[in-house]
Amino acid sequence: MSERRLFEEIVVFDNYEIIKLEEGEMQLKAVVTEKALNPYGYAHGGFLYTLCDTVAGGTAATLHAYTVTLQSSINYIKSACLKDELLVIGKCIHNGKSTKVIETKVYNQKEELLCSCQSTMYKVGDMEEDVWNR
């Protein structure tokens, strides 16, 4: 394992596209690039978690809420490889007054589940309804 590879920055948002924004749901596509890999040649867990956390926040935003992550738990099920095309799906499973619970799942191009994340988002403010149309 290369020492240089161990300490390179992990880049998450260099190749992604938001494909769905509906009330209580968000979907994003991303491709695993060289800068997303860990020293073993697979997508870094932090890369996958960052995708989940971002989609959880985006999903909460579809409910017109500014939020921060209060708690999150992720289960890594299968590795992602270089050039894998990922689909990240976030769905709100609890839309409370001060918290939102978002379930986020990441799939590869073969529709295999790579990881599953559940996040509790704390509402810090109300968002204008037209925020996505700016």
N, C-alpha and C. Protein backbone atom coordinates (compact mmCIF):
# COMPACT_ATOMS: atom_id res chain seq x y z
N MET A 1 0.86 -1.17 0.00
CA MET A 1 0.00 0.00 0.00
C MET A 1 0.90 1.23 0.00
N SER A 2 0.60 2.15 -0.88
CA SER A 2 1.40 3.35 -1.03
C SER A 2 1.08 4.37 0.06
N GLU A 3 2.15 4.94 0.68
CA GLU A 3 1.93 5.98 1.69
C GLU A 3 1.25 7.19 1.05
N ARG A 4 1.63 7.49 -0.18
CA ARG A 4 1.03 8.63 -0.87
C ARG A 4 -0.48 8.43 -1.00
N ARG A 5 -0.91 7.25 -1.38
CA ARG A 5 -2.34 6.95 -1.56
C ARG A 5 -3.10 7.05 -0.23
N LEU A 6 -2.42 6.73 0.87
CA LEU A 6 -3.05 6.77 2.18
C LEU A 6 -3.53 8.16 2.56
N PHE A 7 -2.80 9.19 2.14
CA PHE A 7 -3.08 10.53 2.63
C PHE A 7 -3.58 11.49 1.57
N GLU A 8 -4.01 11.00 0.44
CA GLU A 8 -4.59 11.87 -0.58
C GLU A 8 -5.99 12.28 -0.16
N GLU A 9 -6.41 13.45 -0.64
CA GLU A 9 -7.76 13.90 -0.32
C GLU A 9 -8.80 13.02 -1.02
N ILE A 10 -9.94 12.89 -0.38
CA ILE A 10 -11.06 12.16 -0.97
C ILE A 10 -11.99 13.20 -1.56
N VAL A 11 -12.30 13.06 -2.83
CA VAL A 11 -13.17 14.01 -3.51
C VAL A 11 -14.49 13.31 -3.80
N VAL A 12 -15.59 13.93 -3.36
CA VAL A 12 -16.89 13.31 -3.52
C VAL A 12 -17.67 13.92 -4.68
N PHE A 13 -17.71 15.22 -4.76
CA PHE A 13 -18.62 15.86 -5.69
C PHE A 13 -17.96 16.37 -6.97
N ASP A 14 -17.17 15.51 -7.61
CA ASP A 14 -16.59 15.89 -8.89
C ASP A 14 -17.34 15.25 -10.06
N ASN A 15 -18.29 14.38 -9.77
CA ASN A 15 -18.99 13.69 -10.85
C ASN A 15 -20.34 13.18 -10.34
N TYR A 16 -21.33 14.06 -10.26
CA TYR A 16 -22.64 13.66 -9.77
C TYR A 16 -23.75 14.42 -10.51
N GLU A 17 -24.96 13.91 -10.36
CA GLU A 17 -26.13 14.56 -10.97
C GLU A 17 -27.35 14.28 -10.10
N ILE A 18 -28.08 15.32 -9.76
CA ILE A 18 -29.35 15.14 -9.04
C ILE A 18 -30.39 14.74 -10.08
N ILE A 19 -31.05 13.61 -9.86
CA ILE A 19 -32.01 13.13 -10.85
C ILE A 19 -33.46 13.17 -10.38
N LYS A 20 -33.66 13.35 -9.07
CA LYS A 20 -35.04 13.41 -8.57
C LYS A 20 -35.09 14.26 -7.32
N LEU A 21 -36.03 15.17 -7.28
CA LEU A 21 -36.31 15.97 -6.09
C LEU A 21 -37.82 16.07 -5.97
N GLU A 22 -38.38 15.33 -5.05
CA GLU A 22 -39.81 15.38 -4.78
C GLU A 22 -39.97 15.50 -3.27
N GLU A 23 -41.13 15.90 -2.85
CA GLU A 23 -41.36 16.05 -1.42
C GLU A 23 -41.06 14.73 -0.71
N GLY A 24 -40.08 14.77 0.18
CA GLY A 24 -39.72 13.59 0.98
C GLY A 24 -38.82 12.60 0.28
N GLU A 25 -38.30 12.94 -0.91
CA GLU A 25 -37.42 12.00 -1.63
C GLU A 25 -36.43 12.75 -2.51
N MET A 26 -35.21 12.23 -2.54
CA MET A 26 -34.17 12.75 -3.41
C MET A 26 -33.37 11.59 -3.98
N GLN A 27 -32.96 11.71 -5.24
CA GLN A 27 -32.10 10.72 -5.86
C GLN A 27 -30.94 11.43 -6.55
N LEU A 28 -29.78 10.83 -6.42
CA LEU A 28 -28.57 11.40 -6.99
C LEU A 28 -27.79 10.28 -7.65
N LYS A 29 -27.17 10.57 -8.79
CA LYS A 29 -26.27 9.61 -9.45
C LYS A 29 -24.86 10.14 -9.29
N ALA A 30 -23.93 9.23 -9.06
CA ALA A 30 -22.52 9.59 -8.94
C ALA A 30 -21.68 8.46 -9.52
N VAL A 31 -20.50 8.81 -9.97
CA VAL A 31 -19.56 7.82 -10.49
C VAL A 31 -18.36 7.78 -9.56
N VAL A 32 -17.89 6.58 -9.26
CA VAL A 32 -16.71 6.43 -8.42
C VAL A 32 -15.48 6.77 -9.26
N THR A 33 -14.76 7.81 -8.84
CA THR A 33 -13.56 8.24 -9.55
C THR A 33 -12.32 7.84 -8.76
N GLU A 34 -11.18 8.05 -9.35
CA GLU A 34 -9.90 7.73 -8.73
C GLU A 34 -9.76 8.40 -7.35
N LYS A 35 -10.26 9.64 -7.24
CA LYS A 35 -10.12 10.39 -5.98
C LYS A 35 -11.09 9.92 -4.90
N ALA A 36 -11.94 8.95 -5.20
CA ALA A 36 -12.89 8.43 -4.22
C ALA A 36 -12.40 7.10 -3.62
N LEU A 37 -11.25 6.63 -4.06
CA LEU A 37 -10.79 5.30 -3.66
C LEU A 37 -9.97 5.34 -2.37
N ASN A 38 -10.08 4.25 -1.61
CA ASN A 38 -9.24 4.06 -0.43
C ASN A 38 -7.93 3.39 -0.86
N PRO A 39 -7.00 3.17 0.05
CA PRO A 39 -5.72 2.56 -0.34
C PRO A 39 -5.84 1.16 -0.93
N TYR A 40 -6.97 0.50 -0.73
CA TYR A 40 -7.16 -0.86 -1.25
C TYR A 40 -7.80 -0.88 -2.63
N GLY A 41 -8.14 0.29 -3.16
CA GLY A 41 -8.69 0.37 -4.51
C GLY A 41 -10.20 0.33 -4.58
N TYR A 42 -10.88 0.41 -3.45
CA TYR A 42 -12.35 0.44 -3.41
C TYR A 42 -12.81 1.83 -2.99
N ALA A 43 -14.09 2.13 -3.22
CA ALA A 43 -14.62 3.43 -2.79
C ALA A 43 -14.46 3.55 -1.28
N HIS A 44 -13.93 4.67 -0.85
CA HIS A 44 -13.71 4.93 0.57
C HIS A 44 -15.06 5.01 1.29
N GLY A 45 -15.13 4.46 2.49
CA GLY A 45 -16.36 4.52 3.28
C GLY A 45 -16.81 5.95 3.52
N GLY A 46 -15.85 6.85 3.68
CA GLY A 46 -16.17 8.26 3.87
C GLY A 46 -16.81 8.87 2.64
N PHE A 47 -16.42 8.41 1.46
CA PHE A 47 -17.03 8.84 0.20
C PHE A 47 -18.50 8.43 0.18
N LEU A 48 -18.76 7.16 0.48
CA LEU A 48 -20.14 6.66 0.48
C LEU A 48 -20.97 7.35 1.56
N TYR A 49 -20.39 7.54 2.75
CA TYR A 49 -21.12 8.21 3.81
C TYR A 49 -21.44 9.65 3.43
N THR A 50 -20.50 10.35 2.82
CA THR A 50 -20.74 11.74 2.43
C THR A 50 -21.88 11.83 1.42
N LEU A 51 -21.94 10.90 0.50
CA LEU A 51 -23.08 10.86 -0.43
C LEU A 51 -24.39 10.69 0.34
N CYS A 52 -24.41 9.76 1.28
CA CYS A 52 -25.62 9.51 2.08
C CYS A 52 -26.01 10.74 2.90
N ASP A 53 -25.04 11.35 3.55
CA ASP A 53 -25.32 12.51 4.40
C ASP A 53 -25.84 13.68 3.56
N THR A 54 -25.27 13.88 2.41
CA THR A 54 -25.70 14.96 1.53
C THR A 54 -27.12 14.72 1.01
N VAL A 55 -27.40 13.50 0.63
CA VAL A 55 -28.75 13.17 0.14
C VAL A 55 -29.76 13.25 1.29
N ALA A 56 -29.36 12.88 2.50
CA ALA A 56 -30.27 13.02 3.65
C ALA A 56 -30.63 14.48 3.86
N GLY A 57 -29.64 15.36 3.81
CA GLY A 57 -29.90 16.80 3.94
C GLY A 57 -30.75 17.33 2.81
N GLY A 58 -30.49 16.86 1.59
CA GLY A 58 -31.30 17.27 0.44
C GLY A 58 -32.72 16.78 0.54
N THR A 59 -32.90 15.57 1.04
CA THR A 59 -34.25 15.03 1.22
C THR A 59 -35.01 15.86 2.24
N ALA A 60 -34.35 16.22 3.34
CA ALA A 60 -34.99 17.07 4.35
C ALA A 60 -35.35 18.43 3.74
N ALA A 61 -34.50 18.93 2.86
CA ALA A 61 -34.77 20.22 2.22
C ALA A 61 -36.01 20.17 1.33
N THR A 62 -36.33 18.99 0.78
CA THR A 62 -37.55 18.88 -0.02
C THR A 62 -38.79 19.06 0.85
N LEU A 63 -38.60 18.98 2.16
CA LEU A 63 -39.70 19.18 3.11
C LEU A 63 -39.66 20.60 3.67
N HIS A 64 -38.89 21.47 3.00
CA HIS A 64 -38.80 22.90 3.31
C HIS A 64 -38.18 23.16 4.68
N ALA A 65 -37.18 22.35 5.03
CA ALA A 65 -36.51 22.49 6.32
C ALA A 65 -35.01 22.59 6.13
N TYR A 66 -34.41 23.59 6.78
CA TYR A 66 -32.96 23.63 6.91
C TYR A 66 -32.62 22.70 8.07
N THR A 67 -31.70 21.77 7.84
CA THR A 67 -31.39 20.78 8.89
C THR A 67 -29.88 20.58 9.03
N VAL A 68 -29.51 20.01 10.15
CA VAL A 68 -28.16 19.51 10.38
C VAL A 68 -28.29 18.07 10.83
N THR A 69 -27.24 17.30 10.61
CA THR A 69 -27.27 15.89 11.01
C THR A 69 -27.10 15.78 12.52
N LEU A 70 -28.09 15.19 13.16
CA LEU A 70 -28.06 14.98 14.61
C LEU A 70 -27.42 13.63 14.94
N GLN A 71 -27.76 12.62 14.17
CA GLN A 71 -27.25 11.26 14.38
C GLN A 71 -27.33 10.53 13.05
N SER A 72 -26.40 9.62 12.84
CA SER A 72 -26.41 8.84 11.61
C SER A 72 -25.76 7.48 11.85
N SER A 73 -26.28 6.47 11.19
CA SER A 73 -25.72 5.12 11.29
C SER A 73 -25.70 4.51 9.89
N ILE A 74 -24.56 3.97 9.51
CA ILE A 74 -24.43 3.41 8.17
C ILE A 74 -23.96 1.96 8.25
N ASN A 75 -24.49 1.14 7.37
CA ASN A 75 -24.06 -0.25 7.23
C ASN A 75 -23.49 -0.42 5.83
N TYR A 76 -22.23 -0.82 5.76
CA TYR A 76 -21.58 -1.08 4.48
C TYR A 76 -21.79 -2.55 4.15
N ILE A 77 -22.35 -2.81 2.99
CA ILE A 77 -22.75 -4.17 2.63
C ILE A 77 -21.86 -4.76 1.54
N LYS A 78 -21.55 -3.95 0.56
CA LYS A 78 -20.77 -4.42 -0.59
C LYS A 78 -19.86 -3.28 -1.04
N SER A 79 -18.69 -3.60 -1.56
CA SER A 79 -17.74 -2.58 -2.01
C SER A 79 -18.16 -1.96 -3.33
N ALA A 80 -17.78 -0.71 -3.51
CA ALA A 80 -17.93 -0.03 -4.79
C ALA A 80 -16.54 0.09 -5.41
N CYS A 81 -16.47 -0.04 -6.73
CA CYS A 81 -15.20 -0.03 -7.44
C CYS A 81 -15.09 1.18 -8.35
N LEU A 82 -13.88 1.42 -8.82
CA LEU A 82 -13.62 2.51 -9.75
C LEU A 82 -14.57 2.41 -10.94
N LYS A 83 -15.16 3.53 -11.30
CA LYS A 83 -16.08 3.70 -12.43
C LYS A 83 -17.48 3.12 -12.19
N ASP A 84 -17.73 2.58 -10.99
CA ASP A 84 -19.10 2.15 -10.69
C ASP A 84 -20.02 3.35 -10.76
N GLU A 85 -21.21 3.13 -11.31
CA GLU A 85 -22.23 4.16 -11.37
C GLU A 85 -23.18 3.94 -10.21
N LEU A 86 -23.22 4.92 -9.31
CA LEU A 86 -23.98 4.78 -8.07
C LEU A 86 -25.30 5.53 -8.16
N LEU A 87 -26.32 4.94 -7.58
CA LEU A 87 -27.62 5.59 -7.41
C LEU A 87 -27.83 5.71 -5.91
N VAL A 88 -28.01 6.94 -5.44
CA VAL A 88 -28.20 7.22 -4.02
C VAL A 88 -29.63 7.70 -3.85
N ILE A 89 -30.41 6.97 -3.05
CA ILE A 89 -31.84 7.27 -2.87
C ILE A 89 -32.10 7.61 -1.41
N GLY A 90 -32.65 8.80 -1.19
CA GLY A 90 -33.03 9.22 0.16
C GLY A 90 -34.54 9.34 0.27
N LYS A 91 -35.10 8.77 1.33
CA LYS A 91 -36.55 8.85 1.58
C LYS A 91 -36.78 9.22 3.04
N CYS A 92 -37.71 10.15 3.25
CA CYS A 92 -38.07 10.53 4.61
C CYS A 92 -39.00 9.47 5.18
N ILE A 93 -38.63 8.91 6.33
CA ILE A 93 -39.49 7.91 6.97
C ILE A 93 -40.15 8.46 8.23
N HIS A 94 -39.74 9.68 8.63
CA HIS A 94 -40.38 10.38 9.75
C HIS A 94 -40.23 11.87 9.51
N ASN A 95 -41.35 12.56 9.42
CA ASN A 95 -41.34 14.00 9.18
C ASN A 95 -41.92 14.72 10.39
N GLY A 96 -41.10 14.83 11.44
CA GLY A 96 -41.56 15.46 12.66
C GLY A 96 -41.40 16.97 12.64
N LYS A 97 -41.87 17.61 13.69
CA LYS A 97 -41.81 19.06 13.81
C LYS A 97 -40.36 19.56 13.91
N SER A 98 -39.54 18.86 14.70
CA SER A 98 -38.16 19.30 14.87
C SER A 98 -37.12 18.33 14.35
N THR A 99 -37.52 17.10 14.02
CA THR A 99 -36.58 16.13 13.45
C THR A 99 -37.19 15.45 12.22
N LYS A 100 -36.32 15.04 11.34
CA LYS A 100 -36.67 14.25 10.16
C LYS A 100 -35.77 13.02 10.19
N VAL A 101 -36.32 11.85 9.96
CA VAL A 101 -35.50 10.65 9.86
C VAL A 101 -35.49 10.25 8.38
N ILE A 102 -34.28 10.18 7.85
CA ILE A 102 -34.09 9.91 6.43
C ILE A 102 -33.37 8.57 6.27
N GLU A 103 -33.92 7.72 5.43
CA GLU A 103 -33.27 6.46 5.09
C GLU A 103 -32.63 6.64 3.71
N THR A 104 -31.34 6.36 3.62
CA THR A 104 -30.61 6.52 2.37
C THR A 104 -29.95 5.20 1.99
N LYS A 105 -30.09 4.84 0.72
CA LYS A 105 -29.48 3.60 0.22
C LYS A 105 -28.67 3.91 -1.02
N VAL A 106 -27.55 3.20 -1.16
CA VAL A 106 -26.68 3.37 -2.32
C VAL A 106 -26.63 2.04 -3.08
N TYR A 107 -26.89 2.12 -4.39
CA TYR A 107 -26.87 0.96 -5.28
C TYR A 107 -25.84 1.17 -6.38
N ASN A 108 -25.29 0.08 -6.91
CA ASN A 108 -24.41 0.20 -8.07
C ASN A 108 -25.23 -0.02 -9.35
N GLN A 109 -24.55 0.00 -10.48
CA GLN A 109 -25.22 -0.13 -11.77
C GLN A 109 -25.87 -1.50 -11.98
N LYS A 110 -25.50 -2.47 -11.16
CA LYS A 110 -26.12 -3.81 -11.21
C LYS A 110 -27.31 -3.90 -10.26
N GLU A 111 -27.68 -2.76 -9.66
CA GLU A 111 -28.77 -2.66 -8.68
C GLU A 111 -28.48 -3.44 -7.41
N GLU A 112 -27.18 -3.62 -7.10
CA GLU A 112 -26.77 -4.27 -5.86
C GLU A 112 -26.70 -3.22 -4.76
N LEU A 113 -27.24 -3.54 -3.60
CA LEU A 113 -27.19 -2.63 -2.46
C LEU A 113 -25.77 -2.59 -1.91
N LEU A 114 -25.19 -1.38 -1.86
CA LEU A 114 -23.83 -1.21 -1.35
C LEU A 114 -23.81 -0.79 0.11
N CYS A 115 -24.71 0.12 0.47
CA CYS A 115 -24.80 0.53 1.87
C CYS A 115 -26.18 1.11 2.16
N SER A 116 -26.50 1.11 3.43
CA SER A 116 -27.78 1.63 3.90
C SER A 116 -27.49 2.52 5.10
N CYS A 117 -28.10 3.70 5.10
CA CYS A 117 -27.82 4.69 6.14
C CYS A 117 -29.14 5.24 6.68
N GLN A 118 -29.21 5.42 7.97
CA GLN A 118 -30.37 6.08 8.58
C GLN A 118 -29.86 7.29 9.35
N SER A 119 -30.44 8.45 9.04
CA SER A 119 -29.98 9.71 9.64
C SER A 119 -31.13 10.45 10.28
N THR A 120 -30.87 10.98 11.47
CA THR A 120 -31.82 11.88 12.12
C THR A 120 -31.33 13.29 11.86
N MET A 121 -32.17 14.07 11.20
CA MET A 121 -31.83 15.44 10.85
C MET A 121 -32.60 16.38 11.78
N TYR A 122 -31.89 17.35 12.36
CA TYR A 122 -32.51 18.30 13.27
C TYR A 122 -32.83 19.58 12.51
N LYS A 123 -34.07 20.02 12.61
CA LYS A 123 -34.51 21.21 11.89
C LYS A 123 -34.01 22.47 12.60
N VAL A 124 -33.29 23.31 11.86
CA VAL A 124 -32.78 24.57 12.42
C VAL A 124 -33.50 25.78 11.84
N GLY A 125 -34.36 25.56 10.87
CA GLY A 125 -35.11 26.68 10.29
C GLY A 125 -36.01 26.24 9.16
N ASP A 126 -36.90 27.14 8.79
CA ASP A 126 -37.82 26.89 7.67
C ASP A 126 -37.19 27.39 6.38
N MET A 127 -37.44 26.67 5.31
CA MET A 127 -36.91 27.01 4.01
C MET A 127 -38.04 27.50 3.12
N GLU A 128 -37.74 28.49 2.29
CA GLU A 128 -38.74 28.96 1.34
C GLU A 128 -39.09 27.81 0.40
N GLU A 129 -40.35 27.73 0.00
CA GLU A 129 -40.79 26.62 -0.83
C GLU A 129 -40.15 26.60 -2.21
N ASP A 130 -39.72 27.76 -2.72
CA ASP A 130 -39.17 27.79 -4.07
C ASP A 130 -37.65 27.70 -4.11
N VAL A 131 -37.02 27.23 -3.04
CA VAL A 131 -35.57 27.20 -2.95
C VAL A 131 -34.92 26.40 -4.09
N TRP A 132 -35.57 25.37 -4.58
CA TRP A 132 -35.00 24.52 -5.64
C TRP A 132 -35.13 25.17 -7.02
N ASN A 133 -35.92 26.21 -7.14
CA ASN A 133 -36.14 26.83 -8.44
C ASN A 133 -35.30 28.08 -8.66
N ARG A 134 -34.33 28.33 -7.81
CA ARG A 134 -33.50 29.53 -7.95
C ARG A 134 -32.43 29.33 -8.98
